[in-house]
Amino acid sequence: MVSFEADVRPLFRDDDADAMSWAFDLRSYEDVRASAEAIYERLEDGSMPCDEPWPEERVQLFRDWIDAGTPR
């Protein structure tokens, strides 16, 4: 099963978390869970992270986490 701690949190680099701190804390399960759909939309359209879009597999892993109910 996909989980935040094992699978999703490691996807976000410290630079990503710093760059997006104005909107949400990518290090925080609660913040990522609360903003999961908005984060997904940014990942899918390539506007996040700010330096280059994620490969499709990483975006899909994030989607899988949402679809699994955003487990911790």
PDB file of N, CA and C in Angstrom:
ATOM      1  N   MET A   1       0.842  -1.179   0.000  1.00  0.00           N
ATOM      2  CA  MET A   1       0.000   0.000   0.000  1.00  0.00           C
ATOM      3  C   MET A   1       0.891   1.247   0.000  1.00  0.00           C
ATOM      4  N   VAL A   2       0.470   2.250  -0.699  1.00  0.00           N
ATOM      5  CA  VAL A   2       1.177   3.523  -0.763  1.00  0.00           C
ATOM      6  C   VAL A   2       0.914   4.284   0.536  1.00  0.00           C
ATOM      7  N   SER A   3       1.961   4.863   1.110  1.00  0.00           N
ATOM      8  CA  SER A   3       1.781   5.661   2.325  1.00  0.00           C
ATOM      9  C   SER A   3       2.524   6.988   2.199  1.00  0.00           C
ATOM     10  N   PHE A   4       2.119   7.946   3.003  1.00  0.00           N
ATOM     11  CA  PHE A   4       2.767   9.245   2.969  1.00  0.00           C
ATOM     12  C   PHE A   4       4.224   9.138   3.394  1.00  0.00           C
ATOM     13  N   GLU A   5       4.446   8.546   4.550  1.00  0.00           N
ATOM     14  CA  GLU A   5       5.804   8.503   5.113  1.00  0.00           C
ATOM     15  C   GLU A   5       6.778   7.725   4.234  1.00  0.00           C
ATOM     16  N   ALA A   6       6.361   6.586   3.722  1.00  0.00           N
ATOM     17  CA  ALA A   6       7.278   5.726   2.963  1.00  0.00           C
ATOM     18  C   ALA A   6       7.392   6.119   1.494  1.00  0.00           C
ATOM     19  N   ASP A   7       6.320   6.618   0.907  1.00  0.00           N
ATOM     20  CA  ASP A   7       6.293   6.803  -0.546  1.00  0.00           C
ATOM     21  C   ASP A   7       6.153   8.254  -1.008  1.00  0.00           C
ATOM     22  N   VAL A   8       5.262   9.007  -0.389  1.00  0.00           N
ATOM     23  CA  VAL A   8       4.952  10.353  -0.873  1.00  0.00           C
ATOM     24  C   VAL A   8       5.928  11.390  -0.333  1.00  0.00           C
ATOM     25  N   ARG A   9       6.155  11.411   0.955  1.00  0.00           N
ATOM     26  CA  ARG A   9       7.056  12.413   1.548  1.00  0.00           C
ATOM     27  C   ARG A   9       8.431  12.412   0.873  1.00  0.00           C
ATOM     28  N   PRO A  10       9.030  11.245   0.594  1.00  0.00           N
ATOM     29  CA  PRO A  10      10.350  11.248  -0.058  1.00  0.00           C
ATOM     30  C   PRO A  10      10.358  11.817  -1.485  1.00  0.00           C
ATOM     31  N   LEU A  11       9.190  11.955  -2.111  1.00  0.00           N
ATOM     32  CA  LEU A  11       9.129  12.528  -3.453  1.00  0.00           C
ATOM     33  C   LEU A  11       9.476  14.011  -3.446  1.00  0.00           C
ATOM     34  N   PHE A  12       9.193  14.675  -2.337  1.00  0.00           N
ATOM     35  CA  PHE A  12       9.400  16.117  -2.239  1.00  0.00           C
ATOM     36  C   PHE A  12      10.764  16.426  -1.656  1.00  0.00           C
ATOM     37  N   ARG A  13      11.567  17.148  -2.419  1.00  0.00           N
ATOM     38  CA  ARG A  13      12.888  17.572  -1.940  1.00  0.00           C
ATOM     39  C   ARG A  13      12.715  18.759  -0.995  1.00  0.00           C
ATOM     40  N   ASP A  14      13.740  19.029  -0.218  1.00  0.00           N
ATOM     41  CA  ASP A  14      13.694  20.187   0.671  1.00  0.00           C
ATOM     42  C   ASP A  14      13.467  21.467  -0.122  1.00  0.00           C
ATOM     43  N   ASP A  15      14.089  21.579  -1.291  1.00  0.00           N
ATOM     44  CA  ASP A  15      13.887  22.763  -2.143  1.00  0.00           C
ATOM     45  C   ASP A  15      12.429  22.906  -2.560  1.00  0.00           C
ATOM     46  N   ASP A  16      11.758  21.786  -2.843  1.00  0.00           N
ATOM     47  CA  ASP A  16      10.342  21.827  -3.209  1.00  0.00           C
ATOM     48  C   ASP A  16       9.519  22.357  -2.034  1.00  0.00           C
ATOM     49  N   ALA A  17       9.794  21.820  -0.853  1.00  0.00           N
ATOM     50  CA  ALA A  17       9.064  22.238   0.346  1.00  0.00           C
ATOM     51  C   ALA A  17       9.294  23.715   0.631  1.00  0.00           C
ATOM     52  N   ASP A  18      10.526  24.171   0.484  1.00  0.00           N
ATOM     53  CA  ASP A  18      10.826  25.583   0.718  1.00  0.00           C
ATOM     54  C   ASP A  18      10.108  26.470  -0.296  1.00  0.00           C
ATOM     55  N   ALA A  19      10.115  26.075  -1.559  1.00  0.00           N
ATOM     56  CA  ALA A  19       9.499  26.872  -2.615  1.00  0.00           C
ATOM     57  C   ALA A  19       7.986  26.971  -2.468  1.00  0.00           C
ATOM     58  N   MET A  20       7.361  25.936  -1.932  1.00  0.00           N
ATOM     59  CA  MET A  20       5.905  25.919  -1.829  1.00  0.00           C
ATOM     60  C   MET A  20       5.398  26.269  -0.429  1.00  0.00           C
ATOM     61  N   SER A  21       6.290  26.685   0.460  1.00  0.00           N
ATOM     62  CA  SER A  21       5.901  26.941   1.850  1.00  0.00           C
ATOM     63  C   SER A  21       4.846  28.039   1.976  1.00  0.00           C
ATOM     64  N   TRP A  22       4.734  28.893   0.977  1.00  0.00           N
ATOM     65  CA  TRP A  22       3.713  29.943   1.001  1.00  0.00           C
ATOM     66  C   TRP A  22       2.302  29.365   0.884  1.00  0.00           C
ATOM     67  N   ALA A  23       2.193  28.160   0.304  1.00  0.00           N
ATOM     68  CA  ALA A  23       0.878  27.562   0.059  1.00  0.00           C
ATOM     69  C   ALA A  23       0.557  26.414   1.018  1.00  0.00           C
ATOM     70  N   PHE A  24       1.543  25.550   1.267  1.00  0.00           N
ATOM     71  CA  PHE A  24       1.370  24.400   2.149  1.00  0.00           C
ATOM     72  C   PHE A  24       2.733  23.843   2.506  1.00  0.00           C
ATOM     73  N   ASP A  25       2.756  23.042   3.562  1.00  0.00           N
ATOM     74  CA  ASP A  25       4.002  22.436   4.029  1.00  0.00           C
ATOM     75  C   ASP A  25       4.084  21.018   3.471  1.00  0.00           C
ATOM     76  N   LEU A  26       4.950  20.822   2.497  1.00  0.00           N
ATOM     77  CA  LEU A  26       5.087  19.508   1.862  1.00  0.00           C
ATOM     78  C   LEU A  26       5.736  18.475   2.772  1.00  0.00           C
ATOM     79  N   ARG A  27       6.223  18.902   3.923  1.00  0.00           N
ATOM     80  CA  ARG A  27       6.799  17.975   4.900  1.00  0.00           C
ATOM     81  C   ARG A  27       5.724  17.447   5.861  1.00  0.00           C
ATOM     82  N   SER A  28       4.566  18.084   5.830  1.00  0.00           N
ATOM     83  CA  SER A  28       3.498  17.785   6.782  1.00  0.00           C
ATOM     84  C   SER A  28       2.418  16.902   6.158  1.00  0.00           C
ATOM     85  N   TYR A  29       2.178  15.761   6.781  1.00  0.00           N
ATOM     86  CA  TYR A  29       1.116  14.870   6.313  1.00  0.00           C
ATOM     87  C   TYR A  29      -0.217  15.620   6.267  1.00  0.00           C
ATOM     88  N   GLU A  30      -0.525  16.364   7.338  1.00  0.00           N
ATOM     89  CA  GLU A  30      -1.809  17.056   7.427  1.00  0.00           C
ATOM     90  C   GLU A  30      -1.975  18.071   6.294  1.00  0.00           C
ATOM     91  N   ASP A  31      -0.933  18.852   6.012  1.00  0.00           N
ATOM     92  CA  ASP A  31      -1.019  19.844   4.943  1.00  0.00           C
ATOM     93  C   ASP A  31      -1.140  19.204   3.571  1.00  0.00           C
ATOM     94  N   VAL A  32      -0.335  18.184   3.325  1.00  0.00           N
ATOM     95  CA  VAL A  32      -0.380  17.522   2.016  1.00  0.00           C
ATOM     96  C   VAL A  32      -1.723  16.830   1.830  1.00  0.00           C
ATOM     97  N   ARG A  33      -2.197  16.190   2.869  1.00  0.00           N
ATOM     98  CA  ARG A  33      -3.504  15.524   2.783  1.00  0.00           C
ATOM     99  C   ARG A  33      -4.608  16.543   2.497  1.00  0.00           C
ATOM    100  N   ALA A  34      -4.601  17.668   3.212  1.00  0.00           N
ATOM    101  CA  ALA A  34      -5.639  18.684   3.049  1.00  0.00           C
ATOM    102  C   ALA A  34      -5.595  19.333   1.660  1.00  0.00           C
ATOM    103  N   SER A  35      -4.419  19.376   1.052  1.00  0.00           N
ATOM    104  CA  SER A  35      -4.247  20.027  -0.255  1.00  0.00           C
ATOM    105  C   SER A  35      -3.938  19.034  -1.366  1.00  0.00           C
ATOM    106  N   ALA A  36      -4.213  17.764  -1.138  1.00  0.00           N
ATOM    107  CA  ALA A  36      -3.789  16.715  -2.065  1.00  0.00           C
ATOM    108  C   ALA A  36      -4.262  16.940  -3.497  1.00  0.00           C
ATOM    109  N   GLU A  37      -5.508  17.286  -3.693  1.00  0.00           N
ATOM    110  CA  GLU A  37      -6.018  17.473  -5.058  1.00  0.00           C
ATOM    111  C   GLU A  37      -5.357  18.680  -5.728  1.00  0.00           C
ATOM    112  N   ALA A  38      -5.173  19.769  -4.982  1.00  0.00           N
ATOM    113  CA  ALA A  38      -4.510  20.955  -5.544  1.00  0.00           C
ATOM    114  C   ALA A  38      -3.058  20.642  -5.893  1.00  0.00           C
ATOM    115  N   ILE A  39      -2.388  19.901  -5.038  1.00  0.00           N
ATOM    116  CA  ILE A  39      -1.002  19.502  -5.317  1.00  0.00           C
ATOM    117  C   ILE A  39      -0.967  18.610  -6.549  1.00  0.00           C
ATOM    118  N   TYR A  40      -1.875  17.658  -6.607  1.00  0.00           N
ATOM    119  CA  TYR A  40      -1.930  16.762  -7.763  1.00  0.00           C
ATOM    120  C   TYR A  40      -2.121  17.538  -9.062  1.00  0.00           C
ATOM    121  N   GLU A  41      -3.024  18.503  -9.057  1.00  0.00           N
ATOM    122  CA  GLU A  41      -3.265  19.296 -10.269  1.00  0.00           C
ATOM    123  C   GLU A  41      -1.987  20.013 -10.709  1.00  0.00           C
ATOM    124  N   ARG A  42      -1.240  20.551  -9.768  1.00  0.00           N
ATOM    125  CA  ARG A  42       0.020  21.228 -10.096  1.00  0.00           C
ATOM    126  C   ARG A  42       1.066  20.239 -10.605  1.00  0.00           C
ATOM    127  N   LEU A  43       1.113  19.062  -9.986  1.00  0.00           N
ATOM    128  CA  LEU A  43       2.057  18.041 -10.461  1.00  0.00           C
ATOM    129  C   LEU A  43       1.698  17.592 -11.866  1.00  0.00           C
ATOM    130  N   GLU A  44       0.408  17.396 -12.099  1.00  0.00           N
ATOM    131  CA  GLU A  44      -0.053  16.918 -13.397  1.00  0.00           C
ATOM    132  C   GLU A  44       0.173  17.944 -14.507  1.00  0.00           C
ATOM    133  N   ASP A  45      -0.040  19.231 -14.205  1.00  0.00           N
ATOM    134  CA  ASP A  45       0.145  20.235 -15.257  1.00  0.00           C
ATOM    135  C   ASP A  45       1.594  20.713 -15.370  1.00  0.00           C
ATOM    136  N   GLY A  46       2.463  20.208 -14.492  1.00  0.00           N
ATOM    137  CA  GLY A  46       3.880  20.521 -14.583  1.00  0.00           C
ATOM    138  C   GLY A  46       4.293  21.824 -13.935  1.00  0.00           C
ATOM    139  N   SER A  47       3.364  22.504 -13.244  1.00  0.00           N
ATOM    140  CA  SER A  47       3.718  23.769 -12.599  1.00  0.00           C
ATOM    141  C   SER A  47       4.386  23.560 -11.240  1.00  0.00           C
ATOM    142  N   MET A  48       4.453  22.331 -10.802  1.00  0.00           N
ATOM    143  CA  MET A  48       5.121  21.980  -9.559  1.00  0.00           C
ATOM    144  C   MET A  48       5.821  20.652  -9.787  1.00  0.00           C
ATOM    145  N   PRO A  49       7.011  20.446  -9.311  1.00  0.00           N
ATOM    146  CA  PRO A  49       7.868  21.431  -8.666  1.00  0.00           C
ATOM    147  C   PRO A  49       8.325  22.506  -9.642  1.00  0.00           C
ATOM    148  N   CYS A  50       8.927  23.539  -9.098  1.00  0.00           N
ATOM    149  CA  CYS A  50       9.192  24.737  -9.903  1.00  0.00           C
ATOM    150  C   CYS A  50      10.336  24.591 -10.899  1.00  0.00           C
ATOM    151  N   ASP A  51      11.207  23.603 -10.726  1.00  0.00           N
ATOM    152  CA  ASP A  51      12.352  23.516 -11.645  1.00  0.00           C
ATOM    153  C   ASP A  51      12.107  22.637 -12.865  1.00  0.00           C
ATOM    154  N   GLU A  52      11.373  21.563 -12.714  1.00  0.00           N
ATOM    155  CA  GLU A  52      11.028  20.712 -13.860  1.00  0.00           C
ATOM    156  C   GLU A  52       9.916  19.762 -13.460  1.00  0.00           C
ATOM    157  N   PRO A  53       9.049  19.395 -14.399  1.00  0.00           N
ATOM    158  CA  PRO A  53       7.936  18.494 -14.081  1.00  0.00           C
ATOM    159  C   PRO A  53       8.440  17.118 -13.647  1.00  0.00           C
ATOM    160  N   TRP A  54       7.638  16.477 -12.822  1.00  0.00           N
ATOM    161  CA  TRP A  54       7.930  15.108 -12.420  1.00  0.00           C
ATOM    162  C   TRP A  54       7.673  14.153 -13.573  1.00  0.00           C
ATOM    163  N   PRO A  55       8.380  13.031 -13.599  1.00  0.00           N
ATOM    164  CA  PRO A  55       8.029  11.971 -14.557  1.00  0.00           C
ATOM    165  C   PRO A  55       6.620  11.450 -14.241  1.00  0.00           C
ATOM    166  N   GLU A  56       5.988  10.926 -15.242  1.00  0.00           N
ATOM    167  CA  GLU A  56       4.615  10.430 -15.101  1.00  0.00           C
ATOM    168  C   GLU A  56       4.468   9.419 -13.965  1.00  0.00           C
ATOM    169  N   GLU A  57       5.486   8.587 -13.741  1.00  0.00           N
ATOM    170  CA  GLU A  57       5.402   7.562 -12.689  1.00  0.00           C
ATOM    171  C   GLU A  57       5.274   8.193 -11.302  1.00  0.00           C
ATOM    172  N   ARG A  58       5.967   9.286 -11.074  1.00  0.00           N
ATOM    173  CA  ARG A  58       5.899   9.949  -9.772  1.00  0.00           C
ATOM    174  C   ARG A  58       4.538  10.612  -9.583  1.00  0.00           C
ATOM    175  N   VAL A  59       4.037  11.240 -10.633  1.00  0.00           N
ATOM    176  CA  VAL A  59       2.717  11.849 -10.561  1.00  0.00           C
ATOM    177  C   VAL A  59       1.674  10.767 -10.290  1.00  0.00           C
ATOM    178  N   GLN A  60       1.805   9.631 -10.945  1.00  0.00           N
ATOM    179  CA  GLN A  60       0.859   8.528 -10.748  1.00  0.00           C
ATOM    180  C   GLN A  60       0.953   7.970  -9.326  1.00  0.00           C
ATOM    181  N   LEU A  61       2.141   7.906  -8.762  1.00  0.00           N
ATOM    182  CA  LEU A  61       2.300   7.443  -7.382  1.00  0.00           C
ATOM    183  C   LEU A  61       1.547   8.367  -6.431  1.00  0.00           C
ATOM    184  N   PHE A  62       1.648   9.664  -6.667  1.00  0.00           N
ATOM    185  CA  PHE A  62       0.906  10.616  -5.837  1.00  0.00           C
ATOM    186  C   PHE A  62      -0.596  10.396  -6.006  1.00  0.00           C
ATOM    187  N   ARG A  63      -1.058  10.191  -7.238  1.00  0.00           N
ATOM    188  CA  ARG A  63      -2.477   9.918  -7.494  1.00  0.00           C
ATOM    189  C   ARG A  63      -2.916   8.633  -6.806  1.00  0.00           C
ATOM    190  N   ASP A  64      -2.067   7.615  -6.857  1.00  0.00           N
ATOM    191  CA  ASP A  64      -2.381   6.343  -6.201  1.00  0.00           C
ATOM    192  C   ASP A  64      -2.572   6.544  -4.695  1.00  0.00           C
ATOM    193  N   TRP A  65      -1.731   7.403  -4.115  1.00  0.00           N
ATOM    194  CA  TRP A  65      -1.846   7.700  -2.687  1.00  0.00           C
ATOM    195  C   TRP A  65      -3.195   8.356  -2.387  1.00  0.00           C
ATOM    196  N   ILE A  66      -3.595   9.311  -3.201  1.00  0.00           N
ATOM    197  CA  ILE A  66      -4.901   9.955  -3.020  1.00  0.00           C
ATOM    198  C   ILE A  66      -6.006   8.914  -3.156  1.00  0.00           C
ATOM    199  N   ASP A  67      -5.937   8.108  -4.204  1.00  0.00           N
ATOM    200  CA  ASP A  67      -6.984   7.116  -4.458  1.00  0.00           C
ATOM    201  C   ASP A  67      -7.058   6.054  -3.362  1.00  0.00           C
ATOM    202  N   ALA A  68      -5.947   5.838  -2.648  1.00  0.00           N
ATOM    203  CA  ALA A  68      -5.930   4.860  -1.554  1.00  0.00           C
ATOM    204  C   ALA A  68      -6.472   5.449  -0.258  1.00  0.00           C
ATOM    205  N   GLY A  69      -6.854   6.732  -0.292  1.00  0.00           N
ATOM    206  CA  GLY A  69      -7.414   7.359   0.891  1.00  0.00           C
ATOM    207  C   GLY A  69      -6.414   8.162   1.691  1.00  0.00           C
ATOM    208  N   THR A  70      -5.296   8.513   1.093  1.00  0.00           N
ATOM    209  CA  THR A  70      -4.222   9.308   1.699  1.00  0.00           C
ATOM    210  C   THR A  70      -3.710   8.717   3.025  1.00  0.00           C
ATOM    211  N   PRO A  71      -3.316   7.429   3.002  1.00  0.00           N
ATOM    212  CA  PRO A  71      -2.826   6.833   4.240  1.00  0.00           C
ATOM    213  C   PRO A  71      -1.534   7.465   4.739  1.00  0.00           C
ATOM    214  N   ARG A  72      -1.408   7.508   6.023  1.00  0.00           N
ATOM    215  CA  ARG A  72      -0.230   8.069   6.650  1.00  0.00           C
ATOM    216  C   ARG A  72       0.944   7.178   6.370  1.00  0.00           C
TER     217      ARG A  72
END
